């Protein structure tokens, strides 16, 4: 069967995530993917697409990475799944040990979940419950950054500040308090990234002065607000947030679901501020992009608050596939690749090449900023004064469609194009990515009449 046949069968039965299905029903084609290898996806007609977004930020080392595939196959011949309540198995134990070895000192326990949203749910519930056990049930308020995104389940969505996702379901959710984002794109004239971060921290301090005694936790996406448009900030904000949380007895939740595992240049983004969160949420790249898995790392202090003879004091939260052996085996293989291939060291070289390829894009019409944090590059399509282009121009969507037609898979965040490729991307593939993105931006500007 060719791609068109699979597209037709798909539209007859499937409802796709984060998609206005009318677009596909009215002619925007789906990419019918037959196979993947390295940074490339191939459709049923043999056309290839450079996966510049790591398949929704999950794929670290390339599609069909043989070492991870082999680890999953070997584990499948031994144990595919077992309940983790009352049972244990080697991959779950070994992965917890490996994660804690790489995490900031002071994190000592791992709680598994199935996906990033579930990890955030775990952290929110565990934070509040820990305060209850400490005799502070009034601490039921959560703080989150403006323009933040933490997932689609109701708890995770409650601490998300993107109206497109949140507005419809707001009546169903708890109400957090949103504090100023340290987003450096919002810096004022003459401000540095660090100045902007410290100004936002003063906003956090003011909020804590008002309601700090009622706050359970502050949740933050360290260094990059990904779904919010790949907006980036200086690590000084994280250091100030940690200090303020300590001063007010508030937990700090680091949502590293998208930015962990080397995306920002260090294994964990928190490393760049030298901080330890009370809860560290991990997912996406944890298995190298092969299987769903999430983990929440926390401290011995938090863990001890739940130990008691009374069952109701336990953390009674579960998922059927918690600590799935196949997913844990994939994650162990992924972590081994970091060491075997000197991934972080080699990523510094790749990040430099990405920066070189992206720099000329800043001079194109309709581009307000090109920014980078490690292996993440964002191109903000906006006016010179940083105001948005008219929404009816749909520049991001127009550019992305052009790119797909020319063999590069981009998925814009509104009018923000971004690159978050697998770490195996080669110099010639980076050059190809840069050239197609350049032409796509020019095409979008031409269609807009600019």
Protein backbone atom coordinates (compact mmCIF):
# COMPACT_ATOMS: atom_id res chain seq x y z
CA UNK A 1 0.00 0.00 0.00
CA UNK A 2 1.20 3.52 -0.76
CA UNK A 3 1.03 6.56 1.52
CA UNK A 4 -2.27 7.79 0.10
CA UNK A 5 -3.97 4.51 0.93
CA UNK A 6 -2.74 4.60 4.54
CA UNK A 7 -3.79 8.24 4.86
CA UNK A 8 -7.31 7.37 3.72
CA UNK A 9 -7.57 4.42 6.11
CA UNK A 10 -6.27 6.60 8.93
CA UNK A 11 -8.83 9.36 8.42
CA UNK A 12 -11.61 6.79 8.51
CA UNK A 13 -10.78 5.58 12.02
CA UNK A 14 -8.22 7.73 13.89
CA UNK A 15 -8.47 10.94 15.93
CA UNK A 16 -4.99 12.46 16.22
CA UNK A 17 -3.55 14.23 19.28
CA UNK A 18 -3.21 18.00 19.44
CA UNK A 19 -4.72 18.28 15.97
CA UNK A 20 -7.62 20.09 14.35
CA UNK A 21 -8.72 17.12 12.27
CA UNK A 22 -10.53 19.35 9.78
CA UNK A 23 -7.13 20.38 8.41
CA UNK A 24 -6.36 16.81 7.36
CA UNK A 25 -9.89 16.14 6.15
CA UNK A 26 -9.60 19.21 3.92
CA UNK A 27 -6.32 18.32 2.32
CA UNK A 28 -3.29 18.75 4.61
CA UNK A 29 -1.67 15.34 4.16
CA UNK A 30 -0.54 13.13 6.99
CA UNK A 31 2.96 11.71 6.74
CA UNK A 32 2.41 7.96 6.60
CA UNK A 33 5.64 6.72 8.20
CA UNK A 34 6.84 3.24 7.27
CA UNK A 35 10.21 3.18 8.99
CA UNK A 36 12.83 5.30 10.68
CA UNK A 37 16.62 5.28 10.77
CA UNK A 38 18.89 7.82 12.44
CA UNK A 39 17.40 11.29 11.99
CA UNK A 40 15.29 10.16 9.03
CA UNK A 41 11.70 9.00 8.67
CA UNK A 42 10.56 7.29 5.47
CA UNK A 43 7.00 7.10 4.14
CA UNK A 44 5.32 4.35 2.16
CA UNK A 45 6.29 6.02 -1.12
CA UNK A 46 9.99 6.07 -0.19
CA UNK A 47 10.16 9.81 0.56
CA UNK A 48 12.42 10.73 3.46
CA UNK A 49 11.94 13.42 6.10
CA UNK A 50 14.55 14.77 8.50
CA UNK A 51 12.98 14.50 11.96
CA UNK A 52 13.96 17.92 13.31
CA UNK A 53 11.68 17.58 16.36
CA UNK A 54 12.80 14.15 17.64
CA UNK A 55 9.26 12.80 17.29
CA UNK A 56 7.78 15.16 19.88
CA UNK A 57 11.10 15.56 21.72
CA UNK A 58 11.43 11.89 22.69
CA UNK A 59 14.08 10.47 20.39
CA UNK A 60 17.63 11.02 21.60
CA UNK A 61 19.93 8.80 19.56
CA UNK A 62 18.06 8.25 16.30
CA UNK A 63 15.26 6.03 15.12
CA UNK A 64 15.70 2.25 15.40
CA UNK A 65 18.85 2.67 17.53
CA UNK A 66 20.08 -0.96 17.57
CA UNK A 67 21.41 -1.05 21.14
CA UNK A 68 18.10 0.04 22.63
CA UNK A 69 16.14 -2.24 20.32
CA UNK A 70 18.33 -5.18 21.36
CA UNK A 71 17.86 -4.42 25.07
CA UNK A 72 14.07 -4.41 24.65
CA UNK A 73 14.15 -7.69 22.69
CA UNK A 74 16.30 -9.38 25.31
CA UNK A 75 14.07 -8.19 28.14
CA UNK A 76 10.92 -9.31 26.26
CA UNK A 77 12.21 -12.87 26.28
CA UNK A 78 12.49 -12.77 30.09
CA UNK A 79 9.75 -10.58 31.57
CA UNK A 80 7.44 -8.25 29.68
CA UNK A 81 5.31 -6.88 32.57
CA UNK A 82 4.62 -7.46 36.24
CA UNK A 83 2.71 -5.48 38.84
CA UNK A 84 5.12 -3.24 40.76
CA UNK A 85 2.90 -3.22 43.87
CA UNK A 86 4.24 -6.09 45.93
CA UNK A 87 6.76 -7.14 43.26
CA UNK A 88 10.05 -5.87 41.94
CA UNK A 89 12.41 -6.69 39.09
CA UNK A 90 15.98 -5.96 38.10
CA UNK A 91 15.39 -3.32 35.39
CA UNK A 92 13.28 -1.15 37.71
CA UNK A 93 15.82 -1.35 40.52
CA UNK A 94 18.83 -0.82 38.27
CA UNK A 95 17.25 2.13 36.48
CA UNK A 96 16.37 3.82 39.77
CA UNK A 97 19.97 3.39 40.88
CA UNK A 98 21.32 4.84 37.62
CA UNK A 99 18.95 7.82 37.69
CA UNK A 100 19.84 8.68 41.28
CA UNK A 101 23.55 8.47 40.45
CA UNK A 102 23.06 11.20 37.85
CA UNK A 103 20.58 13.32 39.81
CA UNK A 104 21.51 16.13 42.22
CA UNK A 105 22.72 14.90 45.59
CA UNK A 106 19.90 14.58 48.09
CA UNK A 107 17.40 12.88 45.80
CA UNK A 108 17.11 9.31 47.00
CA UNK A 109 13.83 7.72 45.89
CA UNK A 110 12.23 7.07 42.48
CA UNK A 111 8.51 6.75 41.80
CA UNK A 112 7.64 5.50 38.30
CA UNK A 113 4.74 6.62 36.10
CA UNK A 114 3.74 6.18 32.46
CA UNK A 115 4.20 9.61 30.84
CA UNK A 116 5.11 13.21 31.52
CA UNK A 117 1.65 14.41 32.53
CA UNK A 118 1.39 11.52 34.98
CA UNK A 119 4.77 12.43 36.45
CA UNK A 120 3.55 15.97 37.10
CA UNK A 121 0.38 14.59 38.70
CA UNK A 122 2.54 12.47 41.00
CA UNK A 123 4.69 15.44 42.02
CA UNK A 124 1.71 17.71 42.70
CA UNK A 125 -0.14 15.12 44.76
CA UNK A 126 2.97 14.00 46.62
CA UNK A 127 3.90 17.59 47.48
CA UNK A 128 0.49 18.43 48.90
CA UNK A 129 0.22 15.11 50.73
CA UNK A 130 3.65 15.58 52.29
CA UNK A 131 2.55 18.95 53.65
CA UNK A 132 -0.60 17.33 55.07
CA UNK A 133 1.55 14.75 56.85
CA UNK A 134 3.66 17.60 58.21
CA UNK A 135 0.55 19.16 59.75
CA UNK A 136 0.11 21.86 57.09
CA UNK A 137 -3.05 20.97 55.14
CA UNK A 138 -3.54 24.65 54.34
CA UNK A 139 -0.67 24.40 51.84
CA UNK A 140 -2.89 23.53 48.87
CA UNK A 141 -1.92 26.34 46.49
CA UNK A 142 0.54 25.80 43.66
CA UNK A 143 2.63 28.42 41.89
CA UNK A 144 3.59 28.12 38.23
CA UNK A 145 5.20 30.40 35.69
CA UNK A 146 3.20 32.40 33.22
CA UNK A 147 3.35 30.77 29.78
CA UNK A 148 4.14 27.42 31.40
CA UNK A 149 3.10 24.00 30.11
CA UNK A 150 3.11 20.83 32.20
CA UNK A 151 0.77 18.37 30.49
CA UNK A 152 -2.79 17.53 29.53
CA UNK A 153 -4.25 15.65 32.52
CA UNK A 154 -6.31 17.87 34.81
CA UNK A 155 -3.70 18.43 37.50
CA UNK A 156 -0.90 19.05 35.02
CA UNK A 157 -3.16 21.25 32.91
CA UNK A 158 -4.14 23.26 35.98
CA UNK A 159 -0.56 24.49 36.35
CA UNK A 160 -0.35 25.18 32.61
CA UNK A 161 -0.75 28.78 31.47
CA UNK A 162 -1.35 28.44 27.74
CA UNK A 163 -4.96 29.43 26.98
CA UNK A 164 -5.14 27.25 23.87
CA UNK A 165 -4.89 24.17 26.08
CA UNK A 166 -6.28 25.43 29.39
CA UNK A 167 -9.22 27.72 28.70
CA UNK A 168 -11.89 25.11 27.85
CA UNK A 169 -11.24 22.95 30.90
CA UNK A 170 -10.62 25.72 33.45
CA UNK A 171 -13.92 25.10 35.30
CA UNK A 172 -12.78 21.53 36.04
CA UNK A 173 -9.44 22.43 37.59
CA UNK A 174 -7.84 23.71 40.76
CA UNK A 175 -6.73 27.31 40.51
CA UNK A 176 -3.00 27.96 40.92
CA UNK A 177 -1.29 31.32 41.01
CA UNK A 178 0.86 32.21 38.03
CA UNK A 179 4.00 34.24 38.67
CA UNK A 180 6.11 36.18 36.15
CA UNK A 181 8.13 34.10 33.75
CA UNK A 182 11.88 34.76 33.50
CA UNK A 183 11.49 34.42 29.70
CA UNK A 184 14.37 36.37 28.19
CA UNK A 185 12.32 37.24 25.09
CA UNK A 186 10.40 39.58 27.41
CA UNK A 187 13.51 41.43 28.57
CA UNK A 188 13.25 45.18 28.65
CA UNK A 189 15.56 47.57 26.82
CA UNK A 190 19.05 47.31 28.24
CA UNK A 191 18.32 44.16 30.25
CA UNK A 192 20.46 41.05 29.98
CA UNK A 193 19.04 37.53 30.22
CA UNK A 194 20.21 37.47 33.84
CA UNK A 195 18.63 40.84 34.62
CA UNK A 196 15.32 39.57 33.23
CA UNK A 197 15.58 36.39 35.32
CA UNK A 198 16.24 38.32 38.51
CA UNK A 199 13.33 40.68 37.84
CA UNK A 200 11.03 37.67 37.49
CA UNK A 201 12.44 36.27 40.74
CA UNK A 202 11.44 39.46 42.49
CA UNK A 203 7.91 38.82 41.24
CA UNK A 204 8.08 35.34 42.74
CA UNK A 205 9.28 36.80 46.03
CA UNK A 206 6.36 39.24 46.08
CA UNK A 207 3.88 36.40 45.52
CA UNK A 208 5.42 34.33 48.30
CA UNK A 209 5.27 37.30 50.64
CA UNK A 210 1.52 37.44 50.04
CA UNK A 211 0.54 33.76 50.02
CA UNK A 212 3.66 31.79 50.93
CA UNK A 213 2.10 30.14 53.97
CA UNK A 214 -0.55 28.54 51.71
CA UNK A 215 1.78 27.35 48.95
CA UNK A 216 2.65 23.68 48.51
CA UNK A 217 5.08 23.99 45.62
CA UNK A 218 6.41 26.04 42.75
CA UNK A 219 6.65 24.10 39.47
CA UNK A 220 9.16 25.23 36.84
CA UNK A 221 10.41 24.06 33.45
CA UNK A 222 14.14 24.69 33.95
CA UNK A 223 15.83 26.88 31.31
CA UNK A 224 13.30 26.34 28.48
CA UNK A 225 9.52 26.71 28.44
CA UNK A 226 9.10 24.27 25.59
CA UNK A 227 5.44 24.15 24.57
CA UNK A 228 5.22 27.85 25.42
CA UNK A 229 7.28 28.66 22.34
CA UNK A 230 10.73 27.41 23.33
CA UNK A 231 11.16 30.51 25.47
CA UNK A 232 14.45 30.43 27.36
CA UNK A 233 15.76 31.91 30.59
CA UNK A 234 18.94 32.38 32.57
CA UNK A 235 19.75 29.80 35.29
CA UNK A 236 19.93 32.59 37.87
CA UNK A 237 16.14 32.31 38.13
CA UNK A 238 16.39 28.69 39.26
CA UNK A 239 18.93 29.56 41.93
CA UNK A 240 16.72 32.37 43.25
CA UNK A 241 13.63 30.16 43.12
CA UNK A 242 15.39 27.51 45.19
CA UNK A 243 16.45 30.09 47.76
CA UNK A 244 12.96 31.57 48.02
CA UNK A 245 11.26 28.19 48.25
CA UNK A 246 13.55 27.25 51.12
CA UNK A 247 12.83 30.53 52.88
CA UNK A 248 9.05 29.99 52.70
CA UNK A 249 8.93 26.23 53.27
CA UNK A 250 7.74 25.61 49.71
CA UNK A 251 8.65 22.61 47.56
CA UNK A 252 10.34 23.14 44.20
CA UNK A 253 9.20 20.86 41.36
CA UNK A 254 11.53 20.71 38.36
CA UNK A 255 9.66 19.57 35.26
CA UNK A 256 12.55 18.26 33.17
CA UNK A 257 10.29 16.06 31.04
CA UNK A 258 11.38 17.82 27.85
CA UNK A 259 14.65 19.46 28.86
CA UNK A 260 16.32 16.55 30.66
CA UNK A 261 18.72 13.98 29.22
CA UNK A 262 21.11 16.42 27.57
CA UNK A 263 18.78 18.72 25.67
CA UNK A 264 20.10 21.92 27.30
CA UNK A 265 23.78 20.98 27.17
CA UNK A 266 24.01 19.29 30.58
CA UNK A 267 22.45 15.98 31.51
CA UNK A 268 19.86 17.83 33.59
CA UNK A 269 18.99 21.50 33.15
CA UNK A 270 19.05 22.04 36.93
CA UNK A 271 22.78 21.37 36.92
CA UNK A 272 23.38 24.75 35.31
CA UNK A 273 22.01 26.48 38.42
CA UNK A 274 23.59 24.06 40.89
CA UNK A 275 20.28 23.33 42.58
CA UNK A 276 18.41 20.30 43.87
CA UNK A 277 14.63 20.31 43.42
CA UNK A 278 12.37 18.55 45.89
CA UNK A 279 10.75 16.72 42.98
CA UNK A 280 12.39 16.01 39.62
CA UNK A 281 10.03 14.90 36.84
CA UNK A 282 11.53 12.94 33.94
CA UNK A 283 10.02 11.36 30.84
CA UNK A 284 10.19 11.73 27.01
CA UNK A 285 13.86 10.96 26.28
CA UNK A 286 14.25 8.62 29.24
CA UNK A 287 13.89 5.54 26.97
CA UNK A 288 15.61 7.11 23.98
CA UNK A 289 12.22 7.51 22.34
CA UNK A 290 11.28 3.82 22.27
CA UNK A 291 8.65 3.32 24.99
CA UNK A 292 6.52 5.39 27.41
CA UNK A 293 8.00 5.81 30.86
CA UNK A 294 8.27 8.53 33.48
CA UNK A 295 9.99 8.91 36.83
CA UNK A 296 9.65 11.30 39.75
CA UNK A 297 12.72 11.60 41.93
CA UNK A 298 12.38 12.96 45.44
CA UNK A 299 14.16 13.21 48.76
CA UNK A 300 14.37 10.96 51.80
CA UNK A 301 12.61 13.66 53.82
CA UNK A 302 9.55 13.48 51.57
CA UNK A 303 9.63 9.68 51.53
CA UNK A 304 9.81 9.40 55.31
CA UNK A 305 6.65 11.47 55.75
CA UNK A 306 4.61 8.67 54.17
CA UNK A 307 5.98 5.83 56.30
CA UNK A 308 3.41 4.69 58.85
CA UNK A 309 1.39 1.68 59.94
CA UNK A 310 -1.79 3.35 58.63
CA UNK A 311 -2.45 2.51 54.98
CA UNK A 312 -4.16 5.83 54.37
CA UNK A 313 -0.85 7.61 55.01
CA UNK A 314 0.74 5.77 52.08
CA UNK A 315 1.00 7.39 48.66
CA UNK A 316 -1.89 5.53 47.03
CA UNK A 317 -1.21 6.47 43.42
CA UNK A 318 -0.67 3.87 40.72
CA UNK A 319 -0.55 3.11 37.01
CA UNK A 320 -0.97 -0.39 35.60
CA UNK A 321 2.33 -0.24 33.71
CA UNK A 322 4.31 1.45 36.47
CA UNK A 323 7.98 0.44 36.14
CA UNK A 324 7.33 -1.68 33.05
CA UNK A 325 10.37 -3.97 32.55
CA UNK A 326 10.61 -3.33 28.78
CA UNK A 327 10.58 0.43 29.25
CA UNK A 328 13.10 0.24 32.10
CA UNK A 329 15.39 -1.91 29.95
CA UNK A 330 15.16 0.66 27.16
CA UNK A 331 16.01 3.44 29.62
CA UNK A 332 19.01 1.52 30.96
CA UNK A 333 20.31 1.07 27.42
CA UNK A 334 19.76 4.77 26.75
CA UNK A 335 21.76 5.78 29.83
CA UNK A 336 24.55 3.42 28.81
CA UNK A 337 24.80 5.19 25.45
CA UNK A 338 25.45 8.50 27.19
CA UNK A 339 28.65 7.03 28.61
CA UNK A 340 29.71 4.84 25.69
CA UNK A 341 29.34 7.57 23.07
CA UNK A 342 30.45 10.57 25.18
CA UNK A 343 27.12 12.11 24.23
CA UNK A 344 27.29 15.34 26.20
CA UNK A 345 30.78 16.11 24.92
CA UNK A 346 29.80 15.39 21.32
CA UNK A 347 26.59 17.38 21.69
CA UNK A 348 28.62 20.49 22.40
CA UNK A 349 30.11 20.14 18.91
CA UNK A 350 26.69 19.51 17.35
CA UNK A 351 25.18 22.44 19.25
CA UNK A 352 27.86 24.71 17.81
CA UNK A 353 26.99 23.52 14.29
CA UNK A 354 23.29 24.09 14.95
CA UNK A 355 24.09 27.60 16.14
CA UNK A 356 26.12 28.33 13.01
CA UNK A 357 23.31 27.07 10.79
CA UNK A 358 20.69 29.09 12.65
CA UNK A 359 22.55 32.40 12.95
CA UNK A 360 21.80 33.65 9.39
CA UNK A 361 18.08 33.10 9.94
CA UNK A 362 18.00 36.08 12.30
CA UNK A 363 18.40 38.41 9.32
CA UNK A 364 15.45 37.04 7.35
CA UNK A 365 12.25 39.07 6.95
CA UNK A 366 9.72 38.37 9.65
CA UNK A 367 12.21 36.91 12.15
CA UNK A 368 12.46 38.69 15.50
CA UNK A 369 14.90 36.40 17.30
CA UNK A 370 16.95 33.24 17.01
CA UNK A 371 17.82 31.71 20.37
CA UNK A 372 19.55 28.55 21.54
CA UNK A 373 19.97 26.44 24.65
CA UNK A 374 22.17 23.44 24.03
CA UNK A 375 20.55 21.20 21.42
CA UNK A 376 17.41 23.37 21.22
CA UNK A 377 17.15 26.19 18.68
CA UNK A 378 14.09 28.42 18.28
CA UNK A 379 13.27 30.91 15.53
CA UNK A 380 10.67 33.46 16.59
CA UNK A 381 8.62 34.69 13.63
CA UNK A 382 7.48 38.12 14.78
CA UNK A 383 7.76 41.80 13.94
CA UNK A 384 10.98 43.74 14.60
CA UNK A 385 9.36 45.20 17.74
CA UNK A 386 8.74 41.58 18.85
CA UNK A 387 5.01 41.92 18.44
CA UNK A 388 3.22 39.02 16.72
CA UNK A 389 2.47 38.84 13.03
CA UNK A 390 -1.25 38.98 12.17
CA UNK A 391 -2.63 35.55 13.11
CA UNK A 392 -4.35 35.11 9.76
CA UNK A 393 -0.92 34.97 8.11
CA UNK A 394 -0.18 31.67 9.86
CA UNK A 395 3.50 32.03 9.14
CA UNK A 396 4.60 29.15 11.32
CA UNK A 397 2.16 26.73 9.73
CA UNK A 398 2.99 27.93 6.22
CA UNK A 399 6.72 27.52 6.85
CA UNK A 400 6.26 24.07 8.37
CA UNK A 401 4.19 22.82 5.44
CA UNK A 402 6.83 24.07 3.02
CA UNK A 403 9.53 22.32 5.03
CA UNK A 404 7.65 18.99 5.02
CA UNK A 405 7.20 19.27 1.27
CA UNK A 406 10.98 19.63 1.05
CA UNK A 407 11.86 16.73 3.33
CA UNK A 408 12.16 18.32 6.79
CA UNK A 409 9.66 17.62 9.58
CA UNK A 410 9.01 20.79 11.60
CA UNK A 411 6.04 21.26 13.94
CA UNK A 412 5.80 24.94 14.90
CA UNK A 413 4.55 26.29 18.19
CA UNK A 414 2.36 29.02 16.76
CA UNK A 415 4.82 31.25 14.92
CA UNK A 416 7.88 29.73 16.55
CA UNK A 417 9.87 27.26 14.48
CA UNK A 418 12.28 25.12 16.42
CA UNK A 419 14.92 22.46 16.03
CA UNK A 420 15.29 19.70 18.59
CA UNK A 421 16.89 16.91 16.53
CA UNK A 422 18.19 13.52 17.62
CA UNK A 423 21.75 13.67 18.87
CA UNK A 424 23.06 11.57 15.97
CA UNK A 425 22.47 14.37 13.46
CA UNK A 426 25.48 14.91 11.18
CA UNK A 427 27.02 18.12 9.87
CA UNK A 428 25.56 17.72 6.39
CA UNK A 429 22.11 17.05 7.85
CA UNK A 430 22.37 20.20 9.99
CA UNK A 431 23.28 22.16 6.86
CA UNK A 432 20.24 20.69 5.10
CA UNK A 433 18.04 21.60 8.06
CA UNK A 434 19.30 25.18 8.01
CA UNK A 435 18.79 25.62 4.28
CA UNK A 436 15.26 24.21 4.18
CA UNK A 437 14.27 26.30 7.21
CA UNK A 438 15.66 29.41 5.51
CA UNK A 439 13.63 28.77 2.38
CA UNK A 440 10.54 27.96 4.45
CA UNK A 441 10.74 31.29 6.31
CA UNK A 442 11.18 33.19 3.05
CA UNK A 443 8.22 31.32 1.59
CA UNK A 444 6.03 32.19 4.58
CA UNK A 445 7.02 35.85 4.31
CA UNK A 446 6.22 35.84 0.59
CA UNK A 447 2.81 34.26 1.14
CA UNK A 448 2.11 36.88 3.83
CA UNK A 449 2.97 39.60 1.33
CA UNK A 450 5.96 40.83 3.29
